[in-house]
Structures are given as structure tokens and as C-alpha cells.
């Protein structure tokens, strides 16, 4: 079953937190989640994707931004949804296994990471590569990993990296 946008879920926003945009909705629409499956969203921001997943299974969300963690927790309470939100970089310190791990990463190619909400580092794939490598430690053997990249990113290089991980 695909996780679908529920117009009854209200998501508050904040000036220091990535505002859900088209990429957030694309990620949300891409995620299949079966009843009772364990879901992890990395870099949750407002919690939009994780909140929708929490309607279908057990959901955990992470963010390195304290304000995002506070906001995602408030959004979970506001919607009466069970969502554990953890302050951490990517998924440091988390234990799996998770059935589904998702991340809408900063993926804009940049020489250096100035804006952590959008800068993806060299070729736009530095942070997505770190995410995939970390996800391998918490995903079930038959689990699914979802992330987004930009058409400006080095997609071939990212695919080669993923193939090397197995």
C-alpha cells in the first residue's frame, strides 16, 4: 500500500525548518508501507512524510536540527499520531531493523555545504551517499530504501556507489 497524502493531517512550519515542497510530496507518494511495518524517515523537517507513515505502521523520524525535532514532535501531537522523533545526524545511534528507510536529502550540488537544508556537497550526492551507507546498517534484509536526487546530481556515480554496497 502506498502512503498517500491525507488532507486531515495538519503540518505546522517554522522559519528554521525545511518547508515541505514538491520533492517532499514526491517522496511521500513513492513509499509503500504495509500494516505494522517499521518506518524511518531521516531528516524529517516538519515530519510530513513520517506523520503519514505513522498512520500505517510504526514510525521513527530523525533530524539534526533541534527546531525540526521540536516541530515534528509538535506536529505529531497536533495530529494524534505516534511518532518517535530523535535528534541525531542521519541515523547515528539508531537500531534497526526497519522495513523502510526514507530521506529527502540536501541534494543541490555545491563546492561546500553552506546551507545544510539544501547543499548536497560535491556532485550533489555526498549526503545521499552517507545516508545510503548508514541505512545499510539498520534496514531489514528485504527492506526498502528511498531517497531523492536532482537531475543536476551525478546520478551515475551515485548508482555505482549503491551497487558497490550490495
N, C-alpha and C. Protein backbone atom coordinates (compact mmCIF):
# COMPACT_ATOMS: atom_id res chain seq x y z
N UNK A 1 0.84 -1.16 0.00
CA UNK A 1 0.00 0.00 0.00
C UNK A 1 0.90 1.25 0.00
N UNK A 2 0.61 2.17 -0.88
CA UNK A 2 1.37 3.42 -0.94
C UNK A 2 0.89 4.37 0.16
N UNK A 3 1.82 5.11 0.72
CA UNK A 3 1.48 6.14 1.69
C UNK A 3 0.94 7.31 0.87
N UNK A 4 -0.25 7.75 1.19
CA UNK A 4 -0.88 8.83 0.43
C UNK A 4 -1.07 10.07 1.29
N UNK A 5 -1.09 11.21 0.63
CA UNK A 5 -1.29 12.48 1.31
C UNK A 5 -2.69 12.51 1.91
N UNK A 6 -2.77 12.75 3.21
CA UNK A 6 -4.04 12.84 3.92
C UNK A 6 -4.31 14.31 4.23
N UNK A 7 -5.35 14.89 3.62
CA UNK A 7 -5.64 16.32 3.85
C UNK A 7 -6.02 16.64 5.30
N UNK A 8 -6.30 15.61 6.10
CA UNK A 8 -6.65 15.84 7.51
C UNK A 8 -5.43 15.98 8.40
N UNK A 9 -4.25 15.64 7.88
CA UNK A 9 -3.03 15.81 8.67
C UNK A 9 -2.55 17.25 8.49
N UNK A 10 -2.48 17.97 9.61
CA UNK A 10 -2.08 19.37 9.61
C UNK A 10 -0.61 19.45 10.02
N UNK A 11 0.19 20.11 9.20
CA UNK A 11 1.62 20.20 9.45
C UNK A 11 2.02 21.66 9.60
N UNK A 12 2.37 22.03 10.84
CA UNK A 12 2.86 23.38 11.08
C UNK A 12 4.28 23.52 10.54
N UNK A 13 4.67 24.74 10.25
CA UNK A 13 6.00 25.02 9.69
C UNK A 13 6.74 26.01 10.58
N UNK A 14 8.05 26.12 10.37
CA UNK A 14 8.86 27.06 11.12
C UNK A 14 9.94 27.65 10.23
N UNK A 15 10.42 28.84 10.54
CA UNK A 15 11.40 29.53 9.68
C UNK A 15 12.75 28.83 9.58
N UNK A 16 13.11 28.01 10.55
CA UNK A 16 14.42 27.35 10.54
C UNK A 16 14.34 25.89 10.12
N UNK A 17 13.18 25.48 9.57
CA UNK A 17 12.94 24.09 9.20
C UNK A 17 12.57 24.04 7.73
N UNK A 18 13.13 23.03 7.02
CA UNK A 18 12.82 22.87 5.60
C UNK A 18 11.31 22.75 5.42
N UNK A 19 10.78 23.59 4.57
CA UNK A 19 9.34 23.61 4.30
C UNK A 19 9.01 22.54 3.26
N UNK A 20 8.01 21.69 3.54
CA UNK A 20 7.66 20.66 2.55
C UNK A 20 7.35 21.29 1.19
N UNK A 21 7.91 20.69 0.16
CA UNK A 21 7.73 21.19 -1.20
C UNK A 21 7.41 20.00 -2.11
N UNK A 22 7.52 20.22 -3.41
CA UNK A 22 7.20 19.16 -4.37
C UNK A 22 8.02 17.91 -4.15
N UNK A 23 9.29 18.09 -3.77
CA UNK A 23 10.13 16.91 -3.54
C UNK A 23 9.63 16.10 -2.35
N UNK A 24 9.14 16.77 -1.32
CA UNK A 24 8.58 16.07 -0.15
C UNK A 24 7.37 15.24 -0.55
N UNK A 25 6.51 15.82 -1.38
CA UNK A 25 5.31 15.11 -1.84
C UNK A 25 5.67 13.96 -2.76
N UNK A 26 6.71 14.12 -3.58
CA UNK A 26 7.17 13.03 -4.45
C UNK A 26 7.66 11.86 -3.60
N UNK A 27 8.45 12.14 -2.59
CA UNK A 27 8.94 11.09 -1.70
C UNK A 27 7.76 10.39 -1.02
N UNK A 28 6.85 11.17 -0.48
CA UNK A 28 5.68 10.61 0.20
C UNK A 28 4.91 9.66 -0.71
N UNK A 29 4.68 10.06 -1.94
CA UNK A 29 3.89 9.24 -2.88
C UNK A 29 4.64 8.00 -3.36
N UNK A 30 5.94 7.94 -3.12
CA UNK A 30 6.75 6.81 -3.60
C UNK A 30 6.86 5.67 -2.60
N UNK A 31 6.44 5.89 -1.37
CA UNK A 31 6.72 4.93 -0.30
C UNK A 31 5.60 3.90 -0.14
N UNK A 32 5.94 2.62 -0.35
CA UNK A 32 4.98 1.57 0.01
C UNK A 32 5.25 1.14 1.45
N UNK A 33 4.18 1.01 2.22
CA UNK A 33 4.33 0.64 3.62
C UNK A 33 3.17 -0.27 4.01
N UNK A 34 3.52 -1.48 4.38
CA UNK A 34 2.50 -2.43 4.79
C UNK A 34 2.11 -2.26 6.24
N UNK A 35 0.95 -2.78 6.61
CA UNK A 35 0.50 -2.68 8.00
C UNK A 35 1.54 -3.28 8.96
N UNK A 36 1.85 -2.52 10.01
CA UNK A 36 2.79 -3.00 11.02
C UNK A 36 4.25 -2.88 10.65
N UNK A 37 4.56 -2.45 9.43
CA UNK A 37 5.97 -2.31 9.07
C UNK A 37 6.59 -1.15 9.81
N UNK A 38 7.89 -1.27 10.07
CA UNK A 38 8.63 -0.24 10.80
C UNK A 38 9.27 0.71 9.79
N UNK A 39 9.02 2.02 9.98
CA UNK A 39 9.43 3.05 9.03
C UNK A 39 10.36 4.05 9.71
N UNK A 40 11.40 4.48 8.99
CA UNK A 40 12.31 5.52 9.47
C UNK A 40 12.42 6.60 8.41
N UNK A 41 12.18 7.84 8.83
CA UNK A 41 12.47 8.98 7.94
C UNK A 41 13.64 9.74 8.52
N UNK A 42 14.66 9.92 7.72
CA UNK A 42 15.86 10.68 8.09
C UNK A 42 15.65 12.11 7.62
N UNK A 43 16.07 13.08 8.43
CA UNK A 43 15.93 14.48 8.03
C UNK A 43 14.48 14.87 7.89
N UNK A 44 13.67 14.59 8.87
CA UNK A 44 12.22 14.72 8.77
C UNK A 44 11.71 16.13 8.58
N UNK A 45 12.45 17.13 9.04
CA UNK A 45 11.94 18.50 8.92
C UNK A 45 10.66 18.66 9.72
N UNK A 46 9.58 19.02 9.07
CA UNK A 46 8.29 19.20 9.74
C UNK A 46 7.66 17.88 10.15
N UNK A 47 8.15 16.78 9.59
CA UNK A 47 7.59 15.47 9.89
C UNK A 47 6.54 15.01 8.89
N UNK A 48 6.34 15.74 7.81
CA UNK A 48 5.28 15.43 6.84
C UNK A 48 5.24 13.96 6.43
N UNK A 49 6.35 13.44 5.95
CA UNK A 49 6.37 12.06 5.45
C UNK A 49 6.19 11.07 6.60
N UNK A 50 6.92 11.27 7.68
CA UNK A 50 6.84 10.35 8.83
C UNK A 50 5.45 10.33 9.45
N UNK A 51 4.79 11.47 9.50
CA UNK A 51 3.44 11.53 10.05
C UNK A 51 2.48 10.69 9.23
N UNK A 52 2.61 10.77 7.93
CA UNK A 52 1.74 9.97 7.06
C UNK A 52 2.06 8.48 7.20
N UNK A 53 3.33 8.16 7.35
CA UNK A 53 3.72 6.76 7.55
C UNK A 53 3.20 6.24 8.88
N UNK A 54 3.14 7.11 9.90
CA UNK A 54 2.69 6.70 11.23
C UNK A 54 1.22 6.25 11.21
N UNK A 55 0.48 6.63 10.20
CA UNK A 55 -0.90 6.17 10.06
C UNK A 55 -0.97 4.69 9.69
N UNK A 56 0.13 4.16 9.11
CA UNK A 56 0.13 2.79 8.57
C UNK A 56 1.01 1.81 9.34
N UNK A 57 1.99 2.31 10.08
CA UNK A 57 2.93 1.43 10.76
C UNK A 57 3.64 2.17 11.86
N UNK A 58 4.66 1.52 12.39
CA UNK A 58 5.46 2.14 13.45
C UNK A 58 6.48 3.06 12.81
N UNK A 59 6.48 4.34 13.21
CA UNK A 59 7.33 5.33 12.56
C UNK A 59 8.29 5.99 13.53
N UNK A 60 9.50 6.20 13.04
CA UNK A 60 10.55 6.93 13.74
C UNK A 60 11.07 7.98 12.76
N UNK A 61 11.42 9.14 13.27
CA UNK A 61 11.98 10.20 12.43
C UNK A 61 13.21 10.77 13.10
N UNK A 62 14.17 11.22 12.29
CA UNK A 62 15.36 11.87 12.83
C UNK A 62 15.56 13.21 12.15
N UNK A 63 16.28 14.08 12.82
CA UNK A 63 16.75 15.32 12.22
C UNK A 63 17.91 15.82 13.07
N UNK A 64 18.85 16.51 12.44
CA UNK A 64 19.98 17.09 13.14
C UNK A 64 19.68 18.51 13.62
N UNK A 65 18.55 19.04 13.20
CA UNK A 65 18.12 20.39 13.53
C UNK A 65 17.17 20.32 14.74
N UNK A 66 17.59 20.93 15.85
CA UNK A 66 16.76 20.90 17.07
C UNK A 66 15.37 21.47 16.83
N UNK A 67 15.29 22.53 16.06
CA UNK A 67 13.99 23.14 15.79
C UNK A 67 13.10 22.20 14.98
N UNK A 68 13.68 21.45 14.05
CA UNK A 68 12.91 20.48 13.28
C UNK A 68 12.38 19.37 14.19
N UNK A 69 13.19 18.89 15.11
CA UNK A 69 12.76 17.85 16.04
C UNK A 69 11.60 18.36 16.88
N UNK A 70 11.73 19.57 17.41
CA UNK A 70 10.66 20.17 18.21
C UNK A 70 9.38 20.29 17.39
N UNK A 71 9.50 20.78 16.17
CA UNK A 71 8.34 20.98 15.30
C UNK A 71 7.69 19.66 14.91
N UNK A 72 8.49 18.66 14.55
CA UNK A 72 7.92 17.35 14.17
C UNK A 72 7.19 16.72 15.35
N UNK A 73 7.75 16.85 16.55
CA UNK A 73 7.07 16.31 17.74
C UNK A 73 5.73 17.04 17.97
N UNK A 74 5.75 18.36 17.80
CA UNK A 74 4.51 19.14 17.97
C UNK A 74 3.49 18.75 16.92
N UNK A 75 3.93 18.52 15.69
CA UNK A 75 3.01 18.11 14.63
C UNK A 75 2.42 16.73 14.90
N UNK A 76 3.21 15.84 15.47
CA UNK A 76 2.70 14.51 15.83
C UNK A 76 1.63 14.64 16.91
N UNK A 77 1.90 15.45 17.93
CA UNK A 77 0.90 15.65 18.99
C UNK A 77 -0.37 16.28 18.42
N UNK A 78 -0.19 17.30 17.59
CA UNK A 78 -1.34 18.01 17.00
C UNK A 78 -2.24 17.05 16.22
N UNK A 79 -1.65 16.06 15.58
CA UNK A 79 -2.41 15.12 14.76
C UNK A 79 -2.74 13.82 15.48
N UNK A 80 -2.32 13.70 16.72
CA UNK A 80 -2.61 12.50 17.50
C UNK A 80 -1.98 11.25 16.91
N UNK A 81 -0.78 11.40 16.35
CA UNK A 81 -0.09 10.27 15.71
C UNK A 81 1.13 9.84 16.51
N UNK A 82 1.34 8.52 16.63
CA UNK A 82 2.50 8.02 17.37
C UNK A 82 3.76 8.12 16.51
N UNK A 83 4.63 9.05 16.83
CA UNK A 83 5.86 9.24 16.06
C UNK A 83 6.99 9.54 17.04
N UNK A 84 8.02 8.70 17.03
CA UNK A 84 9.23 8.95 17.82
C UNK A 84 10.15 9.82 16.97
N UNK A 85 10.56 10.96 17.50
CA UNK A 85 11.44 11.87 16.78
C UNK A 85 12.74 12.00 17.57
N UNK A 86 13.87 11.73 16.89
CA UNK A 86 15.18 11.66 17.53
C UNK A 86 16.11 12.73 16.95
N UNK A 87 16.78 13.45 17.83
CA UNK A 87 17.79 14.42 17.41
C UNK A 87 19.09 13.67 17.16
N UNK A 88 19.49 13.56 15.90
CA UNK A 88 20.74 12.88 15.56
C UNK A 88 21.12 13.22 14.13
N UNK A 89 22.37 13.01 13.79
CA UNK A 89 22.84 13.20 12.42
C UNK A 89 22.54 11.92 11.63
N UNK A 90 21.84 12.06 10.53
CA UNK A 90 21.40 10.96 9.67
C UNK A 90 20.64 9.94 10.54
N UNK A 91 21.31 8.88 11.00
CA UNK A 91 20.63 7.90 11.88
C UNK A 91 21.61 7.35 12.92
N UNK A 92 22.57 8.18 13.28
CA UNK A 92 23.57 7.79 14.26
C UNK A 92 22.91 7.36 15.56
N UNK A 93 23.30 6.20 16.05
CA UNK A 93 22.81 5.70 17.32
C UNK A 93 21.49 4.94 17.25
N UNK A 94 20.87 4.89 16.10
CA UNK A 94 19.60 4.15 15.97
C UNK A 94 19.86 2.68 15.70
N UNK A 95 18.93 1.87 16.16
CA UNK A 95 18.99 0.43 15.90
C UNK A 95 17.82 0.04 15.02
N UNK A 96 18.08 -0.87 14.14
CA UNK A 96 17.01 -1.41 13.31
C UNK A 96 16.45 -2.64 13.95
N UNK A 97 15.84 -3.46 13.19
CA UNK A 97 15.74 -3.23 11.75
C UNK A 97 14.48 -2.45 11.39
N UNK A 98 14.58 -1.73 10.28
CA UNK A 98 13.45 -1.01 9.71
C UNK A 98 13.08 -1.68 8.39
N UNK A 99 11.81 -1.69 8.08
CA UNK A 99 11.34 -2.22 6.80
C UNK A 99 11.56 -1.21 5.68
N UNK A 100 11.38 0.07 6.01
CA UNK A 100 11.51 1.16 5.04
C UNK A 100 12.29 2.29 5.67
N UNK A 101 13.28 2.81 4.93
CA UNK A 101 14.04 3.98 5.36
C UNK A 101 13.98 4.99 4.21
N UNK A 102 13.62 6.23 4.54
CA UNK A 102 13.45 7.26 3.51
C UNK A 102 14.15 8.55 3.92
N UNK A 103 14.59 9.31 2.92
CA UNK A 103 15.30 10.56 3.17
C UNK A 103 15.13 11.49 1.97
N UNK A 104 14.66 12.69 2.24
CA UNK A 104 14.67 13.76 1.24
C UNK A 104 15.88 14.61 1.58
N UNK A 105 17.04 14.24 1.04
CA UNK A 105 18.29 14.86 1.48
C UNK A 105 18.55 16.22 0.82
N UNK A 106 19.47 16.96 1.42
CA UNK A 106 20.00 18.10 0.68
C UNK A 106 20.73 17.54 -0.54
N UNK A 107 20.33 17.93 -1.74
CA UNK A 107 20.91 17.31 -2.94
C UNK A 107 21.37 18.30 -4.00
N UNK A 108 21.36 19.60 -3.69
CA UNK A 108 21.83 20.58 -4.65
C UNK A 108 23.35 20.52 -4.69
N UNK A 109 23.94 20.31 -5.88
CA UNK A 109 25.40 20.25 -5.97
C UNK A 109 26.04 21.56 -5.49
N UNK A 110 27.10 21.43 -4.66
CA UNK A 110 27.79 22.61 -4.16
C UNK A 110 29.23 22.24 -3.82
N UNK A 111 30.10 23.22 -3.91
CA UNK A 111 31.51 23.01 -3.58
C UNK A 111 31.70 22.74 -2.09
N UNK A 112 30.86 23.40 -1.28
CA UNK A 112 30.91 23.18 0.16
C UNK A 112 29.49 23.25 0.69
N UNK A 113 29.30 22.72 1.87
CA UNK A 113 27.96 22.70 2.44
C UNK A 113 27.79 23.95 3.29
N UNK A 114 27.09 24.94 2.73
CA UNK A 114 26.83 26.21 3.41
C UNK A 114 25.45 26.17 4.04
N UNK A 115 24.46 25.75 3.28
CA UNK A 115 23.08 25.65 3.77
C UNK A 115 22.74 24.17 3.91
N UNK A 116 22.72 23.67 5.14
CA UNK A 116 22.52 22.24 5.39
C UNK A 116 21.14 21.75 4.94
N UNK A 117 20.20 22.67 4.66
CA UNK A 117 18.88 22.25 4.22
C UNK A 117 18.85 21.88 2.74
N UNK A 118 19.80 22.42 1.95
CA UNK A 118 19.75 22.16 0.50
C UNK A 118 21.06 21.69 -0.11
N UNK A 119 22.22 22.05 0.46
CA UNK A 119 23.51 21.73 -0.15
C UNK A 119 23.86 20.26 0.01
N UNK A 120 24.03 19.58 -1.12
CA UNK A 120 24.34 18.15 -1.11
C UNK A 120 25.82 17.84 -1.25
N UNK A 121 26.66 18.87 -1.25
CA UNK A 121 28.09 18.64 -1.38
C UNK A 121 28.50 18.41 -2.82
N UNK A 122 29.74 18.01 -3.00
CA UNK A 122 30.29 17.80 -4.33
C UNK A 122 29.42 16.84 -5.13
N UNK A 123 29.06 17.20 -6.32
CA UNK A 123 28.21 16.42 -7.23
C UNK A 123 26.78 16.23 -6.71
N UNK A 124 26.44 16.85 -5.57
CA UNK A 124 25.10 16.76 -5.02
C UNK A 124 24.79 15.43 -4.35
N UNK A 125 25.78 14.54 -4.25
CA UNK A 125 25.48 13.20 -3.74
C UNK A 125 26.24 12.83 -2.46
N UNK A 126 26.99 13.75 -1.91
CA UNK A 126 27.76 13.43 -0.69
C UNK A 126 26.85 13.01 0.45
N UNK A 127 25.83 13.79 0.72
CA UNK A 127 24.92 13.45 1.83
C UNK A 127 24.05 12.25 1.48
N UNK A 128 23.48 12.17 0.26
CA UNK A 128 22.74 10.95 -0.09
C UNK A 128 23.59 9.67 0.01
N UNK A 129 24.88 9.75 -0.32
CA UNK A 129 25.75 8.58 -0.21
C UNK A 129 25.95 8.20 1.26
N UNK A 130 26.14 9.19 2.12
CA UNK A 130 26.29 8.92 3.55
C UNK A 130 25.02 8.27 4.09
N UNK A 131 23.87 8.76 3.63
CA UNK A 131 22.59 8.19 4.05
C UNK A 131 22.48 6.72 3.67
N UNK A 132 22.73 6.40 2.42
CA UNK A 132 22.58 5.01 1.96
C UNK A 132 23.53 4.09 2.73
N UNK A 133 24.76 4.53 2.91
CA UNK A 133 25.72 3.71 3.65
C UNK A 133 25.23 3.46 5.08
N UNK A 134 24.71 4.49 5.74
CA UNK A 134 24.19 4.34 7.10
C UNK A 134 22.94 3.48 7.13
N UNK A 135 22.09 3.60 6.12
CA UNK A 135 20.84 2.85 6.08
C UNK A 135 21.10 1.35 5.99
N UNK A 136 22.19 0.96 5.39
CA UNK A 136 22.50 -0.46 5.27
C UNK A 136 22.65 -1.13 6.64
N UNK A 137 22.98 -0.35 7.65
CA UNK A 137 23.17 -0.91 9.00
C UNK A 137 21.86 -1.08 9.76
N UNK A 138 20.77 -0.44 9.30
CA UNK A 138 19.51 -0.50 10.06
C UNK A 138 18.35 -1.09 9.26
N UNK A 139 18.57 -1.41 8.01
CA UNK A 139 17.49 -1.91 7.16
C UNK A 139 17.39 -3.43 7.24
N UNK A 140 16.18 -3.95 7.18
CA UNK A 140 15.99 -5.40 7.13
C UNK A 140 16.58 -5.94 5.84
N UNK A 141 16.87 -7.22 5.79
CA UNK A 141 17.47 -7.80 4.59
C UNK A 141 16.58 -7.63 3.36
N UNK A 142 15.29 -7.62 3.53
CA UNK A 142 14.37 -7.40 2.41
C UNK A 142 13.74 -6.00 2.47
N UNK A 143 14.39 -5.08 3.19
CA UNK A 143 13.87 -3.73 3.36
C UNK A 143 14.04 -2.88 2.11
N UNK A 144 13.44 -1.69 2.17
CA UNK A 144 13.46 -0.78 1.04
C UNK A 144 13.99 0.59 1.47
N UNK A 145 14.85 1.16 0.64
CA UNK A 145 15.44 2.47 0.90
C UNK A 145 14.98 3.43 -0.18
N UNK A 146 14.52 4.62 0.24
CA UNK A 146 14.04 5.63 -0.70
C UNK A 146 14.76 6.94 -0.44
N UNK A 147 15.24 7.56 -1.52
CA UNK A 147 15.85 8.88 -1.42
C UNK A 147 15.59 9.61 -2.73
N UNK A 148 15.86 10.90 -2.72
CA UNK A 148 15.68 11.72 -3.91
C UNK A 148 17.02 12.31 -4.33
N UNK A 149 17.16 12.50 -5.64
CA UNK A 149 18.31 13.18 -6.20
C UNK A 149 17.80 14.20 -7.21
N UNK A 150 18.64 15.14 -7.56
CA UNK A 150 18.32 16.13 -8.58
C UNK A 150 18.88 15.68 -9.92
N UNK A 151 18.28 16.12 -11.00
CA UNK A 151 18.82 15.81 -12.32
C UNK A 151 20.18 16.46 -12.52
N UNK A 152 20.54 17.41 -11.66
CA UNK A 152 21.86 18.04 -11.71
C UNK A 152 22.92 17.24 -10.97
N UNK A 153 22.50 16.24 -10.21
CA UNK A 153 23.43 15.42 -9.43
C UNK A 153 24.13 14.40 -10.32
N UNK A 154 25.23 13.86 -9.82
CA UNK A 154 25.96 12.80 -10.51
C UNK A 154 25.28 11.46 -10.24
N UNK A 155 24.18 11.23 -10.95
CA UNK A 155 23.35 10.06 -10.69
C UNK A 155 24.09 8.77 -11.01
N UNK A 156 24.88 8.76 -12.08
CA UNK A 156 25.64 7.55 -12.43
C UNK A 156 26.64 7.19 -11.32
N UNK A 157 27.30 8.19 -10.78
CA UNK A 157 28.26 7.97 -9.70
C UNK A 157 27.53 7.44 -8.45
N UNK A 158 26.36 7.98 -8.18
CA UNK A 158 25.56 7.53 -7.04
C UNK A 158 25.14 6.07 -7.25
N UNK A 159 24.71 5.72 -8.44
CA UNK A 159 24.29 4.34 -8.74
C UNK A 159 25.46 3.37 -8.59
N UNK A 160 26.66 3.75 -9.03
CA UNK A 160 27.84 2.92 -8.87
C UNK A 160 28.14 2.69 -7.39
N UNK A 161 28.03 3.75 -6.61
CA UNK A 161 28.26 3.65 -5.16
C UNK A 161 27.28 2.66 -4.54
N UNK A 162 26.02 2.76 -4.90
CA UNK A 162 24.99 1.88 -4.34
C UNK A 162 25.24 0.42 -4.74
N UNK A 163 25.65 0.20 -5.97
CA UNK A 163 25.94 -1.15 -6.45
C UNK A 163 27.11 -1.76 -5.65
N UNK A 164 28.10 -0.95 -5.32
CA UNK A 164 29.24 -1.45 -4.55
C UNK A 164 28.84 -1.86 -3.13
N UNK A 165 27.81 -1.21 -2.60
CA UNK A 165 27.34 -1.56 -1.25
C UNK A 165 26.60 -2.88 -1.23
N UNK A 166 26.10 -3.27 -2.40
CA UNK A 166 25.41 -4.55 -2.50
C UNK A 166 23.96 -4.36 -2.42
